[in-house]
């Protein structure tokens, strides 16, 4: 299934925060202020899937980073995350990135499966990275 995607602007920050809040634990949620500030930075971009998802990323020189990806639990495993990720990879490439990185909770099997299917490989681990003490795996993918 294909999903329409909308280019995110700082004006979308509140809607993106609502999506983020339904997908993450309380201590890991991003507010509208944080999302708006990120979107306003040079090199930052994002996409919204009206079906229930959002992604925020940035490109600096020849590297890109996925800052966050959130999909409403009601539509997880239906291709929303895959659509957002695919568009983000294409956008990062168009903006001159040769490689893209992200961090994912080591216990988030659904997200890890999505990233592995998209060609990401684990290159490191940040122990105790998350507020709950969980580890973050650092993933990389050439573009």
Protein backbone atom coordinates (compact mmCIF):
# COMPACT_ATOMS: atom_id res chain seq x y z
CA UNK A 1 0.00 0.00 0.00
CA UNK A 2 1.23 3.52 -0.75
CA UNK A 3 0.68 6.46 1.56
CA UNK A 4 0.62 10.14 0.65
CA UNK A 5 3.26 12.16 2.46
CA UNK A 6 3.31 15.86 3.29
CA UNK A 7 6.47 17.95 3.63
CA UNK A 8 6.73 19.01 7.26
CA UNK A 9 7.27 22.65 8.21
CA UNK A 10 7.54 24.29 11.64
CA UNK A 11 3.80 24.94 11.34
CA UNK A 12 3.29 21.16 11.55
CA UNK A 13 5.19 20.83 14.83
CA UNK A 14 2.10 20.41 17.03
CA UNK A 15 0.64 17.68 14.80
CA UNK A 16 4.00 15.92 14.68
CA UNK A 17 4.28 16.09 18.48
CA UNK A 18 0.87 14.44 18.82
CA UNK A 19 2.02 11.59 16.58
CA UNK A 20 5.28 11.29 18.49
CA UNK A 21 3.44 11.23 21.81
CA UNK A 22 1.23 8.31 20.80
CA UNK A 23 4.21 6.24 19.65
CA UNK A 24 6.72 6.77 22.48
CA UNK A 25 6.88 6.34 26.23
CA UNK A 26 6.30 9.51 28.27
CA UNK A 27 10.00 10.12 29.00
CA UNK A 28 10.94 9.80 25.32
CA UNK A 29 8.29 12.08 23.81
CA UNK A 30 9.23 15.20 21.88
CA UNK A 31 7.13 18.32 22.30
CA UNK A 32 6.02 20.72 19.61
CA UNK A 33 8.68 23.26 20.64
CA UNK A 34 11.51 20.76 20.16
CA UNK A 35 10.16 19.58 16.82
CA UNK A 36 9.59 23.14 15.60
CA UNK A 37 13.12 24.15 16.55
CA UNK A 38 14.58 21.13 14.76
CA UNK A 39 12.58 21.79 11.60
CA UNK A 40 13.77 25.41 11.53
CA UNK A 41 17.46 24.43 11.56
CA UNK A 42 19.48 24.45 8.34
CA UNK A 43 19.54 21.01 6.74
CA UNK A 44 16.56 19.69 8.69
CA UNK A 45 13.50 18.23 7.01
CA UNK A 46 10.56 16.06 7.83
CA UNK A 47 7.60 14.24 6.41
CA UNK A 48 4.13 13.54 7.74
CA UNK A 49 1.95 10.61 6.73
CA UNK A 50 -1.65 11.72 7.33
CA UNK A 51 -2.42 8.03 7.88
CA UNK A 52 -0.52 8.33 11.18
CA UNK A 53 3.22 8.86 11.09
CA UNK A 54 6.04 11.37 11.02
CA UNK A 55 9.79 11.49 10.51
CA UNK A 56 12.38 14.14 11.23
CA UNK A 57 15.88 14.13 9.75
CA UNK A 58 18.76 16.40 8.83
CA UNK A 59 21.60 16.56 6.35
CA UNK A 60 24.96 18.09 7.14
CA UNK A 61 27.60 18.02 4.41
CA UNK A 62 27.56 14.46 3.05
CA UNK A 63 25.94 12.80 6.09
CA UNK A 64 22.32 12.48 7.14
CA UNK A 65 20.73 11.49 10.41
CA UNK A 66 17.22 10.33 11.21
CA UNK A 67 16.34 12.16 14.41
CA UNK A 68 13.03 10.45 15.07
CA UNK A 69 10.42 8.31 13.36
CA UNK A 70 7.01 7.77 14.92
CA UNK A 71 4.06 5.72 13.71
CA UNK A 72 0.72 5.61 15.48
CA UNK A 73 0.42 2.14 17.06
CA UNK A 74 -2.99 1.76 15.38
CA UNK A 75 -1.31 1.71 11.94
CA UNK A 76 2.03 0.10 12.71
CA UNK A 77 3.13 -2.74 10.41
CA UNK A 78 0.98 -1.39 7.58
CA UNK A 79 3.74 0.32 5.58
CA UNK A 80 3.52 3.86 7.00
CA UNK A 81 7.00 3.70 8.54
CA UNK A 82 8.43 2.14 5.38
CA UNK A 83 6.95 4.96 3.26
CA UNK A 84 8.34 7.65 5.58
CA UNK A 85 11.74 5.98 5.69
CA UNK A 86 11.91 5.54 1.93
CA UNK A 87 11.05 9.18 1.27
CA UNK A 88 13.61 10.30 3.83
CA UNK A 89 16.36 8.21 2.24
CA UNK A 90 15.52 9.71 -1.16
CA UNK A 91 15.44 13.25 0.23
CA UNK A 92 18.77 12.81 2.01
CA UNK A 93 20.33 11.53 -1.24
CA UNK A 94 18.89 14.49 -3.17
CA UNK A 95 20.41 16.84 -0.61
CA UNK A 96 23.87 15.37 -1.11
CA UNK A 97 24.20 12.81 1.68
CA UNK A 98 26.24 9.67 0.98
CA UNK A 99 25.41 7.92 4.25
CA UNK A 100 22.65 8.07 6.86
CA UNK A 101 22.71 7.23 10.57
CA UNK A 102 20.15 6.71 13.30
CA UNK A 103 19.81 5.43 16.84
CA UNK A 104 17.19 2.89 17.86
CA UNK A 105 16.36 1.35 21.22
CA UNK A 106 17.93 -2.09 21.41
CA UNK A 107 14.60 -3.51 22.62
CA UNK A 108 12.49 -1.96 19.84
CA UNK A 109 12.23 -5.05 17.66
CA UNK A 110 9.64 -3.57 15.28
CA UNK A 111 11.76 -0.54 14.45
CA UNK A 112 14.92 -2.62 14.18
CA UNK A 113 13.19 -4.93 11.69
CA UNK A 114 12.13 -1.94 9.59
CA UNK A 115 15.66 -0.56 9.51
CA UNK A 116 17.33 -3.89 8.75
CA UNK A 117 14.88 -4.45 5.88
CA UNK A 118 15.88 -1.01 4.55
CA UNK A 119 19.57 -1.94 4.55
CA UNK A 120 20.78 -0.44 7.82
CA UNK A 121 23.52 -2.24 9.77
CA UNK A 122 24.48 -1.87 13.42
CA UNK A 123 27.82 -0.14 13.90
CA UNK A 124 27.77 0.60 17.62
CA UNK A 125 25.91 0.76 20.90
CA UNK A 126 25.36 3.70 23.27
CA UNK A 127 24.85 2.09 26.66
CA UNK A 128 22.28 3.70 28.94
CA UNK A 129 21.34 6.22 26.25
CA UNK A 130 17.61 6.43 26.89
CA UNK A 131 15.93 7.95 29.97
CA UNK A 132 14.86 4.48 31.12
CA UNK A 133 18.49 3.31 31.01
CA UNK A 134 18.02 1.36 27.78
CA UNK A 135 20.75 1.05 25.20
CA UNK A 136 20.66 2.65 21.76
CA UNK A 137 22.03 0.84 18.76
CA UNK A 138 23.74 3.08 16.21
CA UNK A 139 22.80 2.10 12.66
CA UNK A 140 24.29 3.16 9.34
CA UNK A 141 23.27 2.84 5.71
CA UNK A 142 25.01 4.05 2.57
CA UNK A 143 22.81 6.09 0.24
